Amino acid sequence: MNNKELLSQLAKRTSTSPTKALQFVQALTNEVQSQILANNQVTFLNKGVFELQEEESRIVADHSSQKRVLMPPRVSILFKPSLSLKSTLQNLSDHENKNN
């Protein structure tokens, strides 16, 4: 599903215009982004949690020069699905496997 299809579907489900749907999606994603950057978890009920994951700096060996190099810490966004979402996806997967 691309962005245009998402906005069209959201507008249809909420009985609003695609422009209003776009404004809502932009406001939502901006708020999620600002909360994650502030190192706050963002929880979507029965869906999961977005949070920052910080990886410690570490020493690695450069294979070509055999020198040891300090890798800087890395920060990424992690999504942890809820148990209900995992269960739904597992049931979907089980259903598809039975049909094959």
Protein backbone atom coordinates (compact mmCIF):
# COMPACT_ATOMS: atom_id res chain seq x y z
CA MET A 1 0.00 0.00 0.00
CA ASN A 2 1.48 3.31 -1.02
CA ASN A 3 0.91 6.69 0.65
CA LYS A 4 -1.91 7.73 -1.70
CA GLU A 5 -3.78 4.46 -1.13
CA LEU A 6 -3.33 4.76 2.64
CA LEU A 7 -4.70 8.30 2.70
CA SER A 8 -7.61 7.34 0.47
CA GLN A 9 -8.52 4.39 2.70
CA LEU A 10 -8.17 6.45 5.88
CA ALA A 11 -10.33 9.24 4.42
CA LYS A 12 -12.99 6.73 3.42
CA ARG A 13 -13.04 5.03 6.87
CA THR A 14 -13.26 8.33 8.74
CA SER A 15 -15.63 10.08 6.30
CA THR A 16 -13.19 12.94 5.72
CA SER A 17 -11.31 14.30 2.74
CA PRO A 18 -7.92 12.97 1.67
CA THR A 19 -6.49 16.40 2.60
CA LYS A 20 -7.76 16.06 6.19
CA ALA A 21 -6.43 12.49 6.31
CA LEU A 22 -3.02 13.75 5.15
CA GLN A 23 -3.01 16.43 7.85
CA PHE A 24 -3.86 13.82 10.48
CA VAL A 25 -1.19 11.37 9.31
CA GLN A 26 1.44 14.14 9.22
CA ALA A 27 0.50 15.32 12.72
CA LEU A 28 0.59 11.75 14.03
CA THR A 29 3.96 10.89 12.50
CA ASN A 30 5.47 14.21 13.61
CA GLU A 31 4.33 13.59 17.19
CA VAL A 32 5.59 9.99 17.19
CA GLN A 33 8.93 11.20 15.84
CA SER A 34 9.30 13.96 18.43
CA GLN A 35 8.42 11.58 21.28
CA ILE A 36 10.89 8.94 20.10
CA LEU A 37 13.63 11.56 19.68
CA ALA A 38 12.90 12.67 23.27
CA ASN A 39 13.63 9.02 24.23
CA ASN A 40 9.99 8.34 25.15
CA GLN A 41 8.20 5.14 24.25
CA VAL A 42 5.17 5.48 21.99
CA THR A 43 2.54 2.81 22.63
CA PHE A 44 -0.29 1.93 20.27
CA LEU A 45 -2.95 -0.01 22.15
CA ASN A 46 -3.02 -3.68 21.11
CA LYS A 47 -0.47 -3.00 18.36
CA GLY A 48 2.94 -2.41 19.96
CA VAL A 49 5.57 0.02 21.17
CA PHE A 50 8.07 2.21 19.32
CA GLU A 51 11.25 3.10 21.22
CA LEU A 52 14.87 4.05 20.72
CA GLN A 53 17.43 1.28 20.91
CA GLU A 54 20.97 2.34 21.66
CA GLU A 55 23.82 0.01 20.79
CA GLU A 56 27.02 0.47 22.77
CA SER A 57 30.25 1.43 21.03
CA ARG A 58 32.50 -1.55 20.38
CA ILE A 59 35.89 -2.47 19.04
CA VAL A 60 35.98 -4.35 15.75
CA ALA A 61 38.83 -5.63 13.60
CA ASP A 62 39.26 -4.26 10.08
CA HIS A 63 39.89 -7.43 8.07
CA SER A 64 41.86 -5.74 5.31
CA SER A 65 44.35 -3.88 7.53
CA GLN A 66 44.08 -6.02 10.68
CA LYS A 67 43.70 -2.82 12.71
CA ARG A 68 41.28 -2.53 15.58
CA VAL A 69 38.70 0.21 15.09
CA LEU A 70 36.30 1.75 17.60
CA MET A 71 32.77 1.67 16.20
CA PRO A 72 30.67 4.56 17.54
CA PRO A 73 27.39 3.86 19.34
CA ARG A 74 24.43 3.35 17.05
CA VAL A 75 20.86 4.44 17.66
CA SER A 76 17.89 2.90 15.87
CA ILE A 77 14.12 2.80 16.26
CA LEU A 78 12.71 -0.49 17.50
CA PHE A 79 9.11 -1.65 17.19
CA LYS A 80 8.02 -4.29 19.67
CA PRO A 81 4.71 -5.84 18.59
CA SER A 82 2.10 -6.54 21.26
CA LEU A 83 1.12 -10.08 22.16
CA SER A 84 -2.27 -9.64 20.50
CA LEU A 85 -0.64 -8.47 17.25
CA LYS A 86 1.82 -11.39 17.37
CA SER A 87 -1.08 -13.78 17.93
CA THR A 88 -3.05 -12.31 15.02
CA LEU A 89 -0.04 -12.61 12.71
CA GLN A 90 0.64 -16.17 13.88
CA ASN A 91 -2.99 -17.16 13.24
CA LEU A 92 -2.79 -15.60 9.78
CA SER A 93 0.42 -17.50 9.06
CA ASP A 94 -1.09 -20.78 10.33
CA HIS A 95 -4.18 -20.22 8.15
CA GLU A 96 -2.05 -19.58 5.05
CA ASN A 97 0.05 -22.70 5.72
CA LYS A 98 -3.10 -24.85 5.94
CA ASN A 99 -4.25 -23.56 2.55
CA ASN A 100 -0.95 -24.49 0.84
